[in-house]
Amino acid sequence: MRNQLPDPARLCSQIAELHRVSVSPTGKFGFHITTYHGKYPQSVEWNDNWASFFKTLLGDALRADLETNGPWPELEKVSERTLNKVVPRLLGVLQENGREIKPSLIHGDLWEGNIGTAYADNSILIFDSGAYYAHNEMEIGMWRCVRHHISAKIFTRQYFREFPVSEPVEEWDDRNRIYCVKMNTVHSAHHKGDIVRQTVYEDMCYLVDKYAPWDKD
């Protein structure tokens, strides 16, 4: 196996096809067994509300980071507001006013370290997943992380040629940001002292300022 990123068009076509054709056996978000993101178990109990499901995922990640890296009062304060105010507002609208999102099977940890191509036939191989049924855009939260080669914008652009952005389209980048917060928080929990914890804090501050400003209480 070659440990290199495949052609963006080939990779994104196959990922989008997985998202499009997969069917949750319960019609809900989640998975039938516990899955892992790195060494951390994920709370993937079935839930028909995506915002509620994601709040649990992110909350678990933030607690793991706190255990690894220790207290940071400002981060803890903005984390609580993100979970209780930003997530319901930003992700709740995906299932309001007649909108629906399909629970799609995602890999859950899709970066170049978990992708390769076979020597024999150049087929694409993906492995080491933390799979569950999710909003399909959750998959590409990892692609925002600048430490990964898959953050090259051509991959996201190619994906959306295959699978359209969810409504409201104008909030796509903010959804991508909050999905990346979960990915970066898990990374921070695995790597004590990593600068990515600062990125998590700054991204949540941005989202709180936009969707749940402190002066609106």
N, C-alpha and C. Protein backbone atom coordinates (compact mmCIF):
# COMPACT_ATOMS: atom_id res chain seq x y z
N MET A 1 0.83 -1.19 0.00
CA MET A 1 0.00 0.00 0.00
C MET A 1 0.87 1.25 0.00
N ARG A 2 0.51 2.21 -0.80
CA ARG A 2 1.18 3.51 -0.82
C ARG A 2 0.46 4.45 0.14
N ASN A 3 1.21 5.02 1.07
CA ASN A 3 0.62 5.97 2.02
C ASN A 3 0.66 7.38 1.43
N GLN A 4 -0.21 7.60 0.47
CA GLN A 4 -0.30 8.92 -0.13
C GLN A 4 -1.76 9.19 -0.48
N LEU A 5 -2.11 10.47 -0.51
CA LEU A 5 -3.48 10.83 -0.83
C LEU A 5 -3.80 10.50 -2.28
N PRO A 6 -4.94 9.88 -2.53
CA PRO A 6 -5.35 9.61 -3.91
C PRO A 6 -5.76 10.90 -4.62
N ASP A 7 -6.02 10.77 -5.90
CA ASP A 7 -6.55 11.88 -6.68
C ASP A 7 -7.81 12.41 -5.99
N PRO A 8 -7.94 13.72 -5.79
CA PRO A 8 -9.11 14.27 -5.08
C PRO A 8 -10.45 13.86 -5.69
N ALA A 9 -10.53 13.84 -7.00
CA ALA A 9 -11.80 13.50 -7.64
C ALA A 9 -12.20 12.05 -7.32
N ARG A 10 -11.25 11.13 -7.38
CA ARG A 10 -11.54 9.73 -7.08
C ARG A 10 -11.93 9.55 -5.62
N LEU A 11 -11.14 10.12 -4.72
CA LEU A 11 -11.40 9.97 -3.30
C LEU A 11 -12.76 10.56 -2.92
N CYS A 12 -13.00 11.79 -3.33
CA CYS A 12 -14.22 12.48 -2.92
C CYS A 12 -15.46 11.85 -3.54
N SER A 13 -15.33 11.31 -4.73
CA SER A 13 -16.45 10.60 -5.35
C SER A 13 -16.84 9.40 -4.52
N GLN A 14 -15.86 8.65 -4.03
CA GLN A 14 -16.15 7.45 -3.25
C GLN A 14 -16.68 7.79 -1.85
N ILE A 15 -16.12 8.84 -1.24
CA ILE A 15 -16.62 9.24 0.08
C ILE A 15 -18.05 9.75 -0.03
N ALA A 16 -18.32 10.57 -1.04
CA ALA A 16 -19.67 11.09 -1.23
C ALA A 16 -20.66 9.95 -1.51
N GLU A 17 -20.22 8.95 -2.26
CA GLU A 17 -21.09 7.81 -2.53
C GLU A 17 -21.41 7.05 -1.24
N LEU A 18 -20.44 6.86 -0.39
CA LEU A 18 -20.70 6.24 0.91
C LEU A 18 -21.74 7.03 1.68
N HIS A 19 -21.58 8.33 1.72
CA HIS A 19 -22.52 9.17 2.45
C HIS A 19 -23.92 9.12 1.83
N ARG A 20 -23.97 9.04 0.54
CA ARG A 20 -25.25 9.10 -0.17
C ARG A 20 -26.04 7.80 -0.05
N VAL A 21 -25.38 6.66 -0.15
CA VAL A 21 -26.11 5.39 -0.25
C VAL A 21 -26.27 4.69 1.10
N SER A 22 -25.46 5.05 2.09
CA SER A 22 -25.56 4.39 3.39
C SER A 22 -26.91 4.70 4.04
N VAL A 23 -27.42 3.73 4.77
CA VAL A 23 -28.73 3.87 5.40
C VAL A 23 -28.62 3.47 6.87
N SER A 24 -28.94 4.39 7.77
CA SER A 24 -28.94 4.07 9.19
C SER A 24 -30.00 3.02 9.47
N PRO A 25 -29.66 1.94 10.18
CA PRO A 25 -30.65 0.88 10.43
C PRO A 25 -31.79 1.32 11.32
N THR A 26 -31.60 2.41 12.05
CA THR A 26 -32.67 2.92 12.91
C THR A 26 -33.28 4.21 12.38
N GLY A 27 -32.65 4.77 11.33
CA GLY A 27 -33.07 6.08 10.85
C GLY A 27 -32.55 7.21 11.71
N LYS A 28 -31.66 6.88 12.65
CA LYS A 28 -31.14 7.89 13.58
C LYS A 28 -29.63 8.04 13.44
N PHE A 29 -29.11 9.04 14.13
CA PHE A 29 -27.67 9.26 14.21
C PHE A 29 -27.10 8.37 15.31
N GLY A 30 -25.92 7.80 15.06
CA GLY A 30 -25.29 6.96 16.06
C GLY A 30 -24.70 5.70 15.47
N PHE A 31 -24.51 4.70 16.30
CA PHE A 31 -23.96 3.42 15.86
C PHE A 31 -24.35 2.36 16.88
N HIS A 32 -24.30 1.10 16.43
CA HIS A 32 -24.81 0.02 17.28
C HIS A 32 -23.79 -0.47 18.31
N ILE A 33 -22.54 -0.07 18.16
CA ILE A 33 -21.51 -0.39 19.15
C ILE A 33 -20.68 0.86 19.40
N THR A 34 -19.96 0.88 20.50
CA THR A 34 -19.06 2.00 20.79
C THR A 34 -17.92 2.02 19.78
N THR A 35 -17.65 3.20 19.23
CA THR A 35 -16.51 3.37 18.34
C THR A 35 -15.51 4.32 19.00
N TYR A 36 -14.32 4.39 18.43
CA TYR A 36 -13.25 5.16 19.06
C TYR A 36 -12.68 6.19 18.10
N HIS A 37 -12.37 7.36 18.64
CA HIS A 37 -11.59 8.37 17.92
C HIS A 37 -10.22 8.37 18.57
N GLY A 38 -9.25 7.72 17.93
CA GLY A 38 -7.98 7.48 18.58
C GLY A 38 -8.19 6.53 19.75
N LYS A 39 -7.74 6.92 20.93
CA LYS A 39 -7.89 6.04 22.11
C LYS A 39 -9.17 6.32 22.88
N TYR A 40 -9.94 7.32 22.44
CA TYR A 40 -11.10 7.74 23.21
C TYR A 40 -12.40 7.13 22.68
N PRO A 41 -13.17 6.49 23.56
CA PRO A 41 -14.49 5.99 23.14
C PRO A 41 -15.43 7.15 22.85
N GLN A 42 -16.31 6.93 21.87
CA GLN A 42 -17.28 7.95 21.49
C GLN A 42 -18.68 7.54 21.95
N SER A 43 -19.43 8.50 22.46
CA SER A 43 -20.83 8.26 22.84
C SER A 43 -21.68 8.31 21.58
N VAL A 44 -22.05 7.14 21.08
CA VAL A 44 -22.76 7.06 19.80
C VAL A 44 -24.11 6.39 19.94
N GLU A 45 -24.75 6.56 21.10
CA GLU A 45 -26.09 6.02 21.28
C GLU A 45 -27.04 6.67 20.27
N TRP A 46 -28.00 5.90 19.80
CA TRP A 46 -28.91 6.39 18.76
C TRP A 46 -29.67 7.63 19.23
N ASN A 47 -29.77 8.60 18.32
CA ASN A 47 -30.44 9.87 18.62
C ASN A 47 -30.98 10.43 17.31
N ASP A 48 -32.23 10.85 17.29
CA ASP A 48 -32.79 11.38 16.06
C ASP A 48 -32.55 12.88 15.90
N ASN A 49 -31.90 13.49 16.90
CA ASN A 49 -31.60 14.93 16.86
C ASN A 49 -30.10 15.13 16.71
N TRP A 50 -29.68 15.65 15.57
CA TRP A 50 -28.25 15.78 15.31
C TRP A 50 -27.57 16.74 16.27
N ALA A 51 -28.19 17.88 16.57
CA ALA A 51 -27.58 18.84 17.48
C ALA A 51 -27.34 18.21 18.85
N SER A 52 -28.30 17.45 19.33
CA SER A 52 -28.16 16.78 20.62
C SER A 52 -27.04 15.73 20.57
N PHE A 53 -27.00 14.97 19.48
CA PHE A 53 -25.97 13.94 19.31
C PHE A 53 -24.58 14.58 19.30
N PHE A 54 -24.43 15.66 18.53
CA PHE A 54 -23.12 16.31 18.42
C PHE A 54 -22.71 16.95 19.73
N LYS A 55 -23.67 17.53 20.45
CA LYS A 55 -23.35 18.13 21.75
C LYS A 55 -22.71 17.10 22.67
N THR A 56 -23.22 15.88 22.67
CA THR A 56 -22.64 14.82 23.49
C THR A 56 -21.22 14.48 23.03
N LEU A 57 -21.02 14.35 21.72
CA LEU A 57 -19.69 14.05 21.19
C LEU A 57 -18.68 15.12 21.60
N LEU A 58 -19.05 16.38 21.38
CA LEU A 58 -18.13 17.47 21.67
C LEU A 58 -17.89 17.59 23.18
N GLY A 59 -18.94 17.41 23.96
CA GLY A 59 -18.78 17.48 25.41
C GLY A 59 -17.80 16.44 25.93
N ASP A 60 -17.90 15.23 25.41
CA ASP A 60 -16.96 14.17 25.80
C ASP A 60 -15.53 14.55 25.42
N ALA A 61 -15.36 15.10 24.23
CA ALA A 61 -14.02 15.49 23.78
C ALA A 61 -13.44 16.59 24.66
N LEU A 62 -14.26 17.55 25.02
CA LEU A 62 -13.78 18.66 25.86
C LEU A 62 -13.39 18.16 27.25
N ARG A 63 -14.13 17.21 27.79
CA ARG A 63 -13.78 16.65 29.10
C ARG A 63 -12.47 15.87 29.02
N ALA A 64 -12.26 15.15 27.92
CA ALA A 64 -11.00 14.42 27.74
C ALA A 64 -9.82 15.38 27.65
N ASP A 65 -10.03 16.49 26.94
CA ASP A 65 -8.97 17.49 26.83
C ASP A 65 -8.65 18.11 28.18
N LEU A 66 -9.68 18.39 28.97
CA LEU A 66 -9.47 18.96 30.30
C LEU A 66 -8.67 18.01 31.18
N GLU A 67 -8.97 16.72 31.06
CA GLU A 67 -8.24 15.72 31.85
C GLU A 67 -6.78 15.66 31.45
N THR A 68 -6.50 15.78 30.15
CA THR A 68 -5.12 15.73 29.67
C THR A 68 -4.35 17.00 29.98
N ASN A 69 -4.96 18.13 29.70
CA ASN A 69 -4.23 19.40 29.71
C ASN A 69 -4.48 20.28 30.92
N GLY A 70 -5.45 19.91 31.74
CA GLY A 70 -5.68 20.66 32.97
C GLY A 70 -6.59 21.85 32.79
N PRO A 71 -6.90 22.52 33.90
CA PRO A 71 -7.87 23.63 33.88
C PRO A 71 -7.39 24.81 33.02
N TRP A 72 -8.35 25.44 32.40
CA TRP A 72 -8.17 26.71 31.68
C TRP A 72 -9.54 27.39 31.78
N PRO A 73 -9.74 28.22 32.79
CA PRO A 73 -11.08 28.76 33.05
C PRO A 73 -11.75 29.43 31.85
N GLU A 74 -10.98 30.16 31.07
CA GLU A 74 -11.57 30.84 29.92
C GLU A 74 -12.07 29.83 28.88
N LEU A 75 -11.29 28.78 28.66
CA LEU A 75 -11.71 27.73 27.73
C LEU A 75 -12.96 27.01 28.26
N GLU A 76 -12.97 26.73 29.54
CA GLU A 76 -14.12 26.04 30.12
C GLU A 76 -15.38 26.88 30.02
N LYS A 77 -15.25 28.18 30.19
CA LYS A 77 -16.40 29.08 30.10
C LYS A 77 -16.96 29.11 28.68
N VAL A 78 -16.07 29.26 27.70
CA VAL A 78 -16.54 29.34 26.32
C VAL A 78 -17.02 27.98 25.83
N SER A 79 -16.45 26.90 26.39
CA SER A 79 -16.92 25.55 26.03
C SER A 79 -18.37 25.35 26.46
N GLU A 80 -18.69 25.76 27.68
CA GLU A 80 -20.06 25.61 28.18
C GLU A 80 -21.05 26.38 27.32
N ARG A 81 -20.67 27.58 26.92
CA ARG A 81 -21.57 28.39 26.09
C ARG A 81 -21.70 27.80 24.69
N THR A 82 -20.63 27.27 24.18
CA THR A 82 -20.68 26.61 22.87
C THR A 82 -21.64 25.43 22.90
N LEU A 83 -21.52 24.60 23.91
CA LEU A 83 -22.37 23.41 24.01
C LEU A 83 -23.84 23.78 24.20
N ASN A 84 -24.11 24.77 25.04
CA ASN A 84 -25.48 25.06 25.43
C ASN A 84 -26.18 26.10 24.57
N LYS A 85 -25.41 26.90 23.84
CA LYS A 85 -26.01 27.97 23.04
C LYS A 85 -25.69 27.85 21.55
N VAL A 86 -24.40 27.68 21.23
CA VAL A 86 -24.00 27.68 19.82
C VAL A 86 -24.47 26.41 19.11
N VAL A 87 -24.23 25.25 19.72
CA VAL A 87 -24.60 23.99 19.06
C VAL A 87 -26.10 23.93 18.77
N PRO A 88 -26.97 24.21 19.73
CA PRO A 88 -28.40 24.17 19.40
C PRO A 88 -28.80 25.16 18.31
N ARG A 89 -28.18 26.33 18.31
CA ARG A 89 -28.52 27.32 17.27
C ARG A 89 -27.95 26.94 15.92
N LEU A 90 -26.68 26.63 15.85
CA LEU A 90 -26.01 26.42 14.56
C LEU A 90 -26.41 25.10 13.92
N LEU A 91 -26.56 24.05 14.72
CA LEU A 91 -26.88 22.73 14.16
C LEU A 91 -28.37 22.41 14.25
N GLY A 92 -29.06 23.05 15.18
CA GLY A 92 -30.49 22.79 15.30
C GLY A 92 -31.27 23.17 14.07
N VAL A 93 -30.83 24.24 13.39
CA VAL A 93 -31.57 24.71 12.21
C VAL A 93 -31.52 23.72 11.06
N LEU A 94 -30.60 22.77 11.10
CA LEU A 94 -30.53 21.76 10.05
C LEU A 94 -31.78 20.88 10.03
N GLN A 95 -32.50 20.84 11.16
CA GLN A 95 -33.69 20.01 11.27
C GLN A 95 -34.91 20.83 11.70
N GLU A 96 -34.94 22.08 11.28
CA GLU A 96 -36.06 22.96 11.58
C GLU A 96 -36.67 23.51 10.30
N ASN A 97 -37.90 24.02 10.43
CA ASN A 97 -38.59 24.69 9.31
C ASN A 97 -38.64 23.81 8.06
N GLY A 98 -38.93 22.52 8.28
CA GLY A 98 -39.07 21.59 7.16
C GLY A 98 -37.77 21.02 6.65
N ARG A 99 -36.63 21.44 7.21
CA ARG A 99 -35.35 20.90 6.76
C ARG A 99 -35.12 19.53 7.38
N GLU A 100 -34.45 18.67 6.63
CA GLU A 100 -34.07 17.36 7.12
C GLU A 100 -32.64 17.07 6.70
N ILE A 101 -31.92 16.31 7.50
CA ILE A 101 -30.61 15.80 7.10
C ILE A 101 -30.60 14.29 7.30
N LYS A 102 -29.99 13.63 6.35
CA LYS A 102 -29.93 12.17 6.35
C LYS A 102 -28.77 11.70 7.23
N PRO A 103 -28.99 10.75 8.13
CA PRO A 103 -27.86 10.14 8.83
C PRO A 103 -27.02 9.32 7.84
N SER A 104 -25.81 9.78 7.60
CA SER A 104 -24.90 9.11 6.66
C SER A 104 -23.78 8.42 7.42
N LEU A 105 -23.38 7.27 6.93
CA LEU A 105 -22.24 6.58 7.54
C LEU A 105 -20.96 7.33 7.20
N ILE A 106 -20.23 7.75 8.23
CA ILE A 106 -18.97 8.45 8.01
C ILE A 106 -17.81 7.64 8.59
N HIS A 107 -16.63 7.90 8.06
CA HIS A 107 -15.42 7.26 8.58
C HIS A 107 -15.12 7.78 9.98
N GLY A 108 -15.20 9.10 10.16
CA GLY A 108 -15.07 9.71 11.47
C GLY A 108 -13.68 10.18 11.85
N ASP A 109 -12.66 9.79 11.08
CA ASP A 109 -11.29 10.22 11.37
C ASP A 109 -10.50 10.20 10.07
N LEU A 110 -11.06 10.89 9.07
CA LEU A 110 -10.56 10.75 7.70
C LEU A 110 -9.51 11.80 7.37
N TRP A 111 -8.26 11.41 7.50
CA TRP A 111 -7.13 12.25 7.10
C TRP A 111 -6.13 11.35 6.38
N GLU A 112 -5.07 11.93 5.86
CA GLU A 112 -4.18 11.16 4.98
C GLU A 112 -3.52 9.99 5.69
N GLY A 113 -3.38 10.06 7.02
CA GLY A 113 -2.80 8.94 7.75
C GLY A 113 -3.66 7.70 7.74
N ASN A 114 -4.94 7.85 7.41
CA ASN A 114 -5.88 6.72 7.38
C ASN A 114 -6.36 6.42 5.96
N ILE A 115 -5.60 6.86 4.97
CA ILE A 115 -5.95 6.66 3.57
C ILE A 115 -4.71 6.17 2.83
N GLY A 116 -4.89 5.24 1.92
CA GLY A 116 -3.78 4.77 1.08
C GLY A 116 -4.30 4.27 -0.24
N THR A 117 -3.40 3.85 -1.10
CA THR A 117 -3.78 3.25 -2.38
C THR A 117 -3.04 1.92 -2.53
N ALA A 118 -3.74 0.95 -3.08
CA ALA A 118 -3.18 -0.39 -3.24
C ALA A 118 -2.17 -0.42 -4.37
N TYR A 119 -1.06 -1.13 -4.17
CA TYR A 119 -0.06 -1.28 -5.23
C TYR A 119 -0.64 -2.04 -6.42
N ALA A 120 -1.44 -3.04 -6.15
CA ALA A 120 -1.88 -3.96 -7.22
C ALA A 120 -2.76 -3.28 -8.25
N ASP A 121 -3.76 -2.53 -7.78
CA ASP A 121 -4.73 -1.99 -8.74
C ASP A 121 -5.05 -0.51 -8.52
N ASN A 122 -4.28 0.13 -7.64
CA ASN A 122 -4.45 1.56 -7.36
C ASN A 122 -5.80 1.89 -6.73
N SER A 123 -6.45 0.89 -6.16
CA SER A 123 -7.73 1.14 -5.49
C SER A 123 -7.48 1.92 -4.20
N ILE A 124 -8.49 2.68 -3.78
CA ILE A 124 -8.38 3.51 -2.58
C ILE A 124 -8.70 2.67 -1.34
N LEU A 125 -7.87 2.80 -0.33
CA LEU A 125 -8.06 2.08 0.92
C LEU A 125 -8.23 3.10 2.04
N ILE A 126 -9.27 2.94 2.85
CA ILE A 126 -9.41 3.76 4.05
C ILE A 126 -9.57 2.82 5.25
N PHE A 127 -9.02 3.22 6.39
CA PHE A 127 -8.95 2.30 7.53
C PHE A 127 -8.91 3.10 8.83
N ASP A 128 -8.87 2.39 9.96
CA ASP A 128 -8.77 2.99 11.28
C ASP A 128 -9.89 3.99 11.51
N SER A 129 -11.10 3.56 11.26
CA SER A 129 -12.24 4.49 11.36
C SER A 129 -12.77 4.58 12.78
N GLY A 130 -13.49 5.66 13.02
CA GLY A 130 -14.30 5.83 14.22
C GLY A 130 -15.73 6.07 13.78
N ALA A 131 -16.29 5.10 13.09
CA ALA A 131 -17.51 5.29 12.30
C ALA A 131 -18.75 5.48 13.15
N TYR A 132 -19.70 6.21 12.57
CA TYR A 132 -21.06 6.34 13.09
C TYR A 132 -21.89 7.03 12.00
N TYR A 133 -23.20 7.02 12.17
CA TYR A 133 -24.09 7.71 11.25
C TYR A 133 -24.23 9.15 11.73
N ALA A 134 -23.98 10.09 10.82
CA ALA A 134 -23.85 11.49 11.18
C ALA A 134 -24.36 12.38 10.05
N HIS A 135 -24.41 13.68 10.31
CA HIS A 135 -24.54 14.65 9.23
C HIS A 135 -23.31 14.51 8.35
N ASN A 136 -23.49 14.36 7.07
CA ASN A 136 -22.36 14.07 6.19
C ASN A 136 -21.23 15.09 6.29
N GLU A 137 -21.56 16.36 6.56
CA GLU A 137 -20.54 17.40 6.63
C GLU A 137 -19.58 17.20 7.81
N MET A 138 -19.99 16.39 8.78
CA MET A 138 -19.10 16.08 9.91
C MET A 138 -17.80 15.46 9.41
N GLU A 139 -17.89 14.65 8.36
CA GLU A 139 -16.71 13.97 7.82
C GLU A 139 -15.60 14.94 7.48
N ILE A 140 -15.97 16.08 6.91
CA ILE A 140 -14.94 16.98 6.39
C ILE A 140 -14.56 18.07 7.39
N GLY A 141 -15.06 17.94 8.63
CA GLY A 141 -14.52 18.80 9.68
C GLY A 141 -13.03 18.58 9.85
N MET A 142 -12.59 17.32 9.69
CA MET A 142 -11.17 17.00 9.78
C MET A 142 -10.37 17.70 8.69
N TRP A 143 -11.00 17.98 7.56
CA TRP A 143 -10.28 18.55 6.43
C TRP A 143 -9.98 20.03 6.62
N ARG A 144 -10.50 20.63 7.68
CA ARG A 144 -10.20 22.02 8.00
C ARG A 144 -8.90 22.13 8.80
N CYS A 145 -8.48 21.04 9.43
CA CYS A 145 -7.31 21.06 10.30
C CYS A 145 -6.05 21.28 9.48
N VAL A 146 -5.39 22.39 9.70
CA VAL A 146 -4.30 22.80 8.81
C VAL A 146 -3.09 21.88 8.91
N ARG A 147 -3.01 21.06 9.97
CA ARG A 147 -1.86 20.15 10.09
C ARG A 147 -1.93 19.00 9.09
N HIS A 148 -3.08 18.81 8.44
CA HIS A 148 -3.26 17.69 7.52
C HIS A 148 -3.17 18.13 6.06
N HIS A 149 -2.57 17.29 5.23
CA HIS A 149 -2.48 17.59 3.80
C HIS A 149 -3.86 17.62 3.15
N ILE A 150 -4.82 16.89 3.73
CA ILE A 150 -6.16 16.84 3.15
C ILE A 150 -6.90 18.16 3.38
N SER A 151 -6.27 19.09 4.09
CA SER A 151 -6.87 20.42 4.26
C SER A 151 -6.77 21.25 2.98
N ALA A 152 -6.02 20.78 1.98
CA ALA A 152 -5.97 21.48 0.69
C ALA A 152 -7.40 21.66 0.17
N LYS A 153 -7.74 22.87 -0.22
CA LYS A 153 -9.13 23.22 -0.53
C LYS A 153 -9.71 22.40 -1.68
N ILE A 154 -8.86 21.84 -2.52
CA ILE A 154 -9.38 21.07 -3.65
C ILE A 154 -10.21 19.87 -3.19
N PHE A 155 -9.90 19.31 -2.02
CA PHE A 155 -10.65 18.15 -1.54
C PHE A 155 -12.07 18.55 -1.15
N THR A 156 -12.21 19.64 -0.42
CA THR A 156 -13.55 20.09 -0.03
C THR A 156 -14.34 20.52 -1.26
N ARG A 157 -13.70 21.25 -2.17
CA ARG A 157 -14.40 21.67 -3.39
C ARG A 157 -14.89 20.47 -4.19
N GLN A 158 -14.03 19.48 -4.30
CA GLN A 158 -14.40 18.30 -5.07
C GLN A 158 -15.53 17.53 -4.38
N TYR A 159 -15.49 17.45 -3.06
CA TYR A 159 -16.55 16.76 -2.35
C TYR A 159 -17.90 17.40 -2.63
N PHE A 160 -17.96 18.72 -2.61
CA PHE A 160 -19.23 19.40 -2.81
C PHE A 160 -19.68 19.41 -4.28
N ARG A 161 -18.84 18.98 -5.17
CA ARG A 161 -19.30 18.71 -6.52
C ARG A 161 -20.11 17.42 -6.56
N GLU A 162 -19.87 16.57 -5.57
CA GLU A 162 -20.52 15.26 -5.51
C GLU A 162 -21.72 15.25 -4.55
N PHE A 163 -21.67 16.08 -3.54
CA PHE A 163 -22.70 16.07 -2.49
C PHE A 163 -22.95 17.52 -2.10
N PRO A 164 -24.13 18.05 -2.34
CA PRO A 164 -24.37 19.49 -2.12
C PRO A 164 -24.31 19.88 -0.65
N VAL A 165 -23.98 21.14 -0.43
CA VAL A 165 -23.96 21.71 0.92
C VAL A 165 -25.38 21.71 1.49
N SER A 166 -25.49 21.43 2.78
CA SER A 166 -26.79 21.46 3.45
C SER A 166 -27.27 22.90 3.62
N GLU A 167 -28.58 23.04 3.72
CA GLU A 167 -29.17 24.33 4.06
C GLU A 167 -29.16 24.50 5.58
N PRO A 168 -28.94 25.73 6.05
CA PRO A 168 -28.65 26.95 5.29
C PRO A 168 -27.20 26.99 4.79
N VAL A 169 -27.08 27.18 3.48
CA VAL A 169 -25.77 27.16 2.83
C VAL A 169 -24.84 28.21 3.41
N GLU A 170 -25.40 29.37 3.75
CA GLU A 170 -24.57 30.48 4.20
C GLU A 170 -23.90 30.19 5.56
N GLU A 171 -24.34 29.16 6.26
CA GLU A 171 -23.73 28.81 7.54
C GLU A 171 -22.80 27.60 7.44
N TRP A 172 -22.54 27.17 6.21
CA TRP A 172 -21.69 26.00 6.00
C TRP A 172 -20.32 26.15 6.67
N ASP A 173 -19.67 27.30 6.48
CA ASP A 173 -18.30 27.45 7.00
C ASP A 173 -18.28 27.41 8.52
N ASP A 174 -19.32 27.92 9.15
CA ASP A 174 -19.38 27.87 10.61
C ASP A 174 -19.65 26.45 11.11
N ARG A 175 -20.47 25.70 10.37
CA ARG A 175 -20.64 24.28 10.72
C ARG A 175 -19.31 23.54 10.58
N ASN A 176 -18.60 23.83 9.51
CA ASN A 176 -17.30 23.19 9.32
C ASN A 176 -16.34 23.54 10.45
N ARG A 177 -16.42 24.77 10.91
CA ARG A 177 -15.57 25.21 12.01
C ARG A 177 -15.88 24.44 13.29
N ILE A 178 -17.17 24.29 13.61
CA ILE A 178 -17.51 23.61 14.86
C ILE A 178 -17.24 22.12 14.77
N TYR A 179 -17.39 21.53 13.58
CA TYR A 179 -17.02 20.12 13.42
C TYR A 179 -15.51 19.95 13.60
N CYS A 180 -14.76 20.92 13.12
CA CYS A 180 -13.30 20.88 13.28
C CYS A 180 -12.91 21.07 14.74
N VAL A 181 -13.70 21.84 15.50
CA VAL A 181 -13.43 21.99 16.93
C VAL A 181 -13.42 20.63 17.62
N LYS A 182 -14.38 19.78 17.25
CA LYS A 182 -14.40 18.44 17.85
C LYS A 182 -13.13 17.67 17.47
N MET A 183 -12.74 17.72 16.20
CA MET A 183 -11.54 17.00 15.75
C MET A 183 -10.29 17.53 16.45
N ASN A 184 -10.17 18.84 16.54
CA ASN A 184 -8.99 19.44 17.16
C ASN A 184 -8.96 19.19 18.67
N THR A 185 -10.14 19.15 19.30
CA THR A 185 -10.18 18.89 20.73
C THR A 185 -9.69 17.48 21.04
N VAL A 186 -10.09 16.52 20.23
CA VAL A 186 -9.61 15.15 20.42
C VAL A 186 -8.10 15.09 20.20
N HIS A 187 -7.60 15.80 19.19
CA HIS A 187 -6.15 15.87 18.96
C HIS A 187 -5.45 16.44 20.19
N SER A 188 -5.99 17.51 20.75
CA SER A 188 -5.40 18.13 21.93
C SER A 188 -5.40 17.16 23.12
N ALA A 189 -6.48 16.39 23.25
CA ALA A 189 -6.55 15.41 24.33
C ALA A 189 -5.50 14.33 24.19
N HIS A 190 -5.10 14.02 22.97
CA HIS A 190 -4.06 13.01 22.72
C HIS A 190 -2.65 13.57 22.89
N HIS A 191 -2.49 14.90 22.77
CA HIS A 191 -1.15 15.49 22.71
C HIS A 191 -1.07 16.64 23.71
N LYS A 192 -0.65 16.33 24.91
CA LYS A 192 -0.58 17.32 25.98
C LYS A 192 0.29 18.51 25.58
N GLY A 193 -0.25 19.70 25.78
CA GLY A 193 0.51 20.92 25.51
C GLY A 193 0.52 21.38 24.07
N ASP A 194 -0.20 20.69 23.20
CA ASP A 194 -0.20 21.05 21.78
C ASP A 194 -0.88 22.41 21.56
N ILE A 195 -0.34 23.20 20.64
CA ILE A 195 -0.85 24.53 20.35
C ILE A 195 -2.27 24.50 19.80
N VAL A 196 -2.71 23.33 19.33
CA VAL A 196 -4.05 23.24 18.75
C VAL A 196 -5.13 23.55 19.79
N ARG A 197 -4.82 23.42 21.08
CA ARG A 197 -5.79 23.79 22.11
C ARG A 197 -6.14 25.27 22.01
N GLN A 198 -5.17 26.09 21.68
CA GLN A 198 -5.42 27.52 21.48
C GLN A 198 -6.34 27.74 20.29
N THR A 199 -6.16 26.95 19.24
CA THR A 199 -7.03 27.04 18.07
C THR A 199 -8.47 26.70 18.44
N VAL A 200 -8.64 25.66 19.24
CA VAL A 200 -9.98 25.29 19.71
C VAL A 200 -10.62 26.46 20.44
N TYR A 201 -9.88 27.06 21.34
CA TYR A 201 -10.39 28.20 22.11
C TYR A 201 -10.79 29.35 21.19
N GLU A 202 -9.93 29.70 20.26
CA GLU A 202 -10.21 30.82 19.37
C GLU A 202 -11.41 30.54 18.47
N ASP A 203 -11.54 29.30 17.99
CA ASP A 203 -12.68 28.96 17.14
C ASP A 203 -13.99 29.02 17.92
N MET A 204 -13.99 28.56 19.15
CA MET A 204 -15.21 28.64 19.95
C MET A 204 -15.55 30.09 20.30
N CYS A 205 -14.53 30.89 20.58
CA CYS A 205 -14.78 32.32 20.83
C CYS A 205 -15.43 32.98 19.62
N TYR A 206 -14.94 32.66 18.44
CA TYR A 206 -15.52 33.20 17.20
C TYR A 206 -16.99 32.83 17.09
N LEU A 207 -17.30 31.56 17.31
CA LEU A 207 -18.67 31.08 17.16
C LEU A 207 -19.59 31.65 18.24
N VAL A 208 -19.09 31.78 19.45
CA VAL A 208 -19.90 32.40 20.52
C VAL A 208 -20.19 33.85 20.19
N ASP A 209 -19.20 34.59 19.75
CA ASP A 209 -19.40 35.99 19.39
C ASP A 209 -20.46 36.14 18.29
N LYS A 210 -20.51 35.18 17.39
CA LYS A 210 -21.43 35.28 16.25
C LYS A 210 -22.83 34.78 16.58
N TYR A 211 -22.92 33.68 17.32
CA TYR A 211 -24.21 33.02 17.51
C TYR A 211 -24.78 33.13 18.92
N ALA A 212 -23.96 33.44 19.89
CA ALA A 212 -24.44 33.51 21.27
C ALA A 212 -23.64 34.54 22.06
N PRO A 213 -23.64 35.80 21.60
CA PRO A 213 -22.82 36.82 22.27
C PRO A 213 -23.21 36.99 23.74
N TRP A 214 -22.22 37.27 24.55
CA TRP A 214 -22.43 37.36 26.00
C TRP A 214 -23.41 38.48 26.36
N ASP A 215 -23.42 39.56 25.58
CA ASP A 215 -24.27 40.71 25.93
C ASP A 215 -25.75 40.48 25.57
N LYS A 216 -26.07 39.30 25.04
CA LYS A 216 -27.47 39.01 24.68
C LYS A 216 -28.21 38.27 25.78
N ASP A 217 -27.52 37.95 26.88
CA ASP A 217 -28.19 37.25 27.99
C ASP A 217 -29.15 38.20 28.73
